[in-house]
C-alpha cells in the first residue's frame, strides 16, 4: 500500500488486511508510526501479492525509489517509469529467513 499524507509525503507498507491497517494509520492508533502526525491520509496505490516474501521485496523496492518513480507507478505510467534512471542499488542482508510465521501471518 502507498498512502499520501497531508504533508505531501508517501508512506509505503505491507499488510495482510488493507482495510484494518489503513484504518489504524488514519485514526492514529499506531503510536510512533511515521504516519501518526501526518494525518489525514489518502490511500492511493495498492498491489496484491499471495506471497509475503514477494510483498516485502516489493515494499523495499518502492521505498528505495525516487519520488518521481513513485508518482509514475501511482499514475500507472509504466512508460515513464522505465525512462527514469535506476536508483542506487541497495543491498540487504537478512540474518534469518522471513517466513509467514516470522512475519506474524500464521
C-alpha atoms as a PDB file:
ATOM      1  CA  UNK A   1       0.000   0.000   0.000  1.00  0.00           C
ATOM      2  CA  UNK A   2       1.138   3.525  -0.698  1.00  0.00           C
ATOM      3  CA  UNK A   3      -0.602   6.395   1.007  1.00  0.00           C
ATOM      4  CA  UNK A   4      -0.234  10.151   0.700  1.00  0.00           C
ATOM      5  CA  UNK A   5      -0.075  12.252   3.861  1.00  0.00           C
ATOM      6  CA  UNK A   6      -1.402  15.753   4.352  1.00  0.00           C
ATOM      7  CA  UNK A   7       2.274  16.841   4.287  1.00  0.00           C
ATOM      8  CA  UNK A   8       2.658  15.505   0.732  1.00  0.00           C
ATOM      9  CA  UNK A   9       4.924  12.608   1.688  1.00  0.00           C
ATOM     10  CA  UNK A  10       4.417   8.991   0.675  1.00  0.00           C
ATOM     11  CA  UNK A  11       4.204   6.055   3.073  1.00  0.00           C
ATOM     12  CA  UNK A  12       4.740   2.502   1.818  1.00  0.00           C
ATOM     13  CA  UNK A  13       3.890  -0.562   3.876  1.00  0.00           C
ATOM     14  CA  UNK A  14       2.882  -4.223   3.792  1.00  0.00           C
ATOM     15  CA  UNK A  15      -0.192  -5.739   5.414  1.00  0.00           C
ATOM     16  CA  UNK A  16      -2.404  -8.800   5.201  1.00  0.00           C
ATOM     17  CA  UNK A  17      -5.536  -6.685   5.850  1.00  0.00           C
ATOM     18  CA  UNK A  18      -5.534  -3.389   3.931  1.00  0.00           C
ATOM     19  CA  UNK A  19      -8.771  -2.034   5.397  1.00  0.00           C
ATOM     20  CA  UNK A  20      -7.713  -2.675   9.006  1.00  0.00           C
ATOM     21  CA  UNK A  21      -4.190  -1.354   8.539  1.00  0.00           C
ATOM     22  CA  UNK A  22      -5.273   1.812   6.727  1.00  0.00           C
ATOM     23  CA  UNK A  23      -7.873   2.455   9.440  1.00  0.00           C
ATOM     24  CA  UNK A  24      -5.157   2.096  12.107  1.00  0.00           C
ATOM     25  CA  UNK A  25      -2.967   4.624  10.292  1.00  0.00           C
ATOM     26  CA  UNK A  26      -5.839   7.007   9.579  1.00  0.00           C
ATOM     27  CA  UNK A  27      -7.056   7.002  13.189  1.00  0.00           C
ATOM     28  CA  UNK A  28      -3.556   7.350  14.659  1.00  0.00           C
ATOM     29  CA  UNK A  29      -3.786   4.049  16.532  1.00  0.00           C
ATOM     30  CA  UNK A  30      -0.123   3.201  15.911  1.00  0.00           C
ATOM     31  CA  UNK A  31       1.947   5.341  18.299  1.00  0.00           C
ATOM     32  CA  UNK A  32       5.371   6.251  16.956  1.00  0.00           C
ATOM     33  CA  UNK A  33       4.474   5.308  13.383  1.00  0.00           C
ATOM     34  CA  UNK A  34       5.737   7.562  10.568  1.00  0.00           C
ATOM     35  CA  UNK A  35       2.151   8.464   9.645  1.00  0.00           C
ATOM     36  CA  UNK A  36       0.982   9.271  13.188  1.00  0.00           C
ATOM     37  CA  UNK A  37       1.431  13.049  12.931  1.00  0.00           C
ATOM     38  CA  UNK A  38       0.853  13.258   9.174  1.00  0.00           C
ATOM     39  CA  UNK A  39      -2.865  12.549   9.081  1.00  0.00           C
ATOM     40  CA  UNK A  40      -5.238  12.629   7.305  1.00  0.00           C
ATOM     41  CA  UNK A  41      -4.003  10.104   4.779  1.00  0.00           C
ATOM     42  CA  UNK A  42      -5.294   9.080   1.378  1.00  0.00           C
ATOM     43  CA  UNK A  43      -4.826   5.539   0.057  1.00  0.00           C
ATOM     44  CA  UNK A  44      -3.517   5.983  -3.470  1.00  0.00           C
ATOM     45  CA  UNK A  45      -1.938   2.713  -4.618  1.00  0.00           C
ATOM     46  CA  UNK A  46      -2.403  -0.948  -3.713  1.00  0.00           C
ATOM     47  CA  UNK A  47      -0.690  -4.047  -5.092  1.00  0.00           C
ATOM     48  CA  UNK A  48      -1.768  -7.535  -4.047  1.00  0.00           C
ATOM     49  CA  UNK A  49       0.558 -10.490  -3.522  1.00  0.00           C
ATOM     50  CA  UNK A  50      -0.073 -14.075  -2.481  1.00  0.00           C
ATOM     51  CA  UNK A  51       3.489 -14.490  -1.181  1.00  0.00           C
ATOM     52  CA  UNK A  52       4.620 -12.401   1.822  1.00  0.00           C
ATOM     53  CA  UNK A  53       8.260 -12.597   0.735  1.00  0.00           C
ATOM     54  CA  UNK A  54       7.395 -11.047  -2.645  1.00  0.00           C
ATOM     55  CA  UNK A  55       5.304  -8.367  -0.938  1.00  0.00           C
ATOM     56  CA  UNK A  56       8.145  -7.393   1.413  1.00  0.00           C
ATOM     57  CA  UNK A  57      10.586  -7.344  -1.500  1.00  0.00           C
ATOM     58  CA  UNK A  58       8.281  -5.011  -3.458  1.00  0.00           C
ATOM     59  CA  UNK A  59       7.823  -2.768  -0.406  1.00  0.00           C
ATOM     60  CA  UNK A  60      11.606  -2.404  -0.058  1.00  0.00           C
ATOM     61  CA  UNK A  61      11.917  -1.705  -3.792  1.00  0.00           C
ATOM     62  CA  UNK A  62       9.311   1.068  -3.724  1.00  0.00           C
ATOM     63  CA  UNK A  63      10.783   2.575  -0.545  1.00  0.00           C
ATOM     64  CA  UNK A  64      14.118   2.873  -2.376  1.00  0.00           C
ATOM     65  CA  UNK A  65      12.608   4.717  -5.338  1.00  0.00           C
ATOM     66  CA  UNK A  66      12.733   8.422  -6.038  1.00  0.00           C
ATOM     67  CA  UNK A  67       9.568  10.470  -5.644  1.00  0.00           C
ATOM     68  CA  UNK A  68       9.239  10.671  -9.466  1.00  0.00           C
ATOM     69  CA  UNK A  69       9.258   6.878  -9.758  1.00  0.00           C
ATOM     70  CA  UNK A  70       6.635   6.535  -7.030  1.00  0.00           C
ATOM     71  CA  UNK A  71       4.446   9.087  -8.782  1.00  0.00           C
ATOM     72  CA  UNK A  72       4.831   7.283 -12.121  1.00  0.00           C
ATOM     73  CA  UNK A  73       3.659   3.964 -10.694  1.00  0.00           C
ATOM     74  CA  UNK A  74       0.811   5.634  -8.780  1.00  0.00           C
ATOM     75  CA  UNK A  75      -0.335   7.199 -12.069  1.00  0.00           C
ATOM     76  CA  UNK A  76       0.033   3.851 -13.849  1.00  0.00           C
ATOM     77  CA  UNK A  77       2.540   5.489 -16.209  1.00  0.00           C
ATOM     78  CA  UNK A  78       4.791   2.496 -16.809  1.00  0.00           C
ATOM     79  CA  UNK A  79       6.349   4.107 -19.889  1.00  0.00           C
ATOM     80  CA  UNK A  80       7.603   6.989 -17.732  1.00  0.00           C
ATOM     81  CA  UNK A  81       8.722   4.558 -15.033  1.00  0.00           C
ATOM     82  CA  UNK A  82      11.125   2.736 -17.342  1.00  0.00           C
ATOM     83  CA  UNK A  83      12.544   6.042 -18.645  1.00  0.00           C
ATOM     84  CA  UNK A  84      13.572   7.184 -15.168  1.00  0.00           C
ATOM     85  CA  UNK A  85      17.117   6.363 -14.065  1.00  0.00           C
ATOM     86  CA  UNK A  86      17.852   3.362 -11.907  1.00  0.00           C
ATOM     87  CA  UNK A  87      18.049   4.230  -8.253  1.00  0.00           C
ATOM     88  CA  UNK A  88      21.231   3.321  -6.467  1.00  0.00           C
ATOM     89  CA  UNK A  89      21.374  -0.341  -5.618  1.00  0.00           C
ATOM     90  CA  UNK A  90      20.546  -1.318  -2.085  1.00  0.00           C
ATOM     91  CA  UNK A  91      21.927  -4.452  -0.552  1.00  0.00           C
ATOM     92  CA  UNK A  92      20.004  -6.011   2.300  1.00  0.00           C
ATOM     93  CA  UNK A  93      21.472  -8.779   4.405  1.00  0.00           C
ATOM     94  CA  UNK A  94      18.995 -10.957   6.245  1.00  0.00           C
ATOM     95  CA  UNK A  95      20.190 -12.747   9.363  1.00  0.00           C
ATOM     96  CA  UNK A  96      17.186 -15.056   9.264  1.00  0.00           C
ATOM     97  CA  UNK A  97      14.728 -16.165   6.650  1.00  0.00           C
ATOM     98  CA  UNK A  98      11.434 -14.306   6.630  1.00  0.00           C
ATOM     99  CA  UNK A  99       8.510 -16.694   6.569  1.00  0.00           C
ATOM    100  CA  UNK A 100       4.785 -16.259   7.009  1.00  0.00           C
ATOM    101  CA  UNK A 101       5.220 -17.398  10.616  1.00  0.00           C
ATOM    102  CA  UNK A 102       8.029 -14.938  11.470  1.00  0.00           C
ATOM    103  CA  UNK A 103       6.098 -12.165   9.720  1.00  0.00           C
ATOM    104  CA  UNK A 104       3.134 -12.880  12.037  1.00  0.00           C
ATOM    105  CA  UNK A 105       0.798 -14.118   9.325  1.00  0.00           C
ATOM    106  CA  UNK A 106       0.184 -17.614  10.695  1.00  0.00           C
END
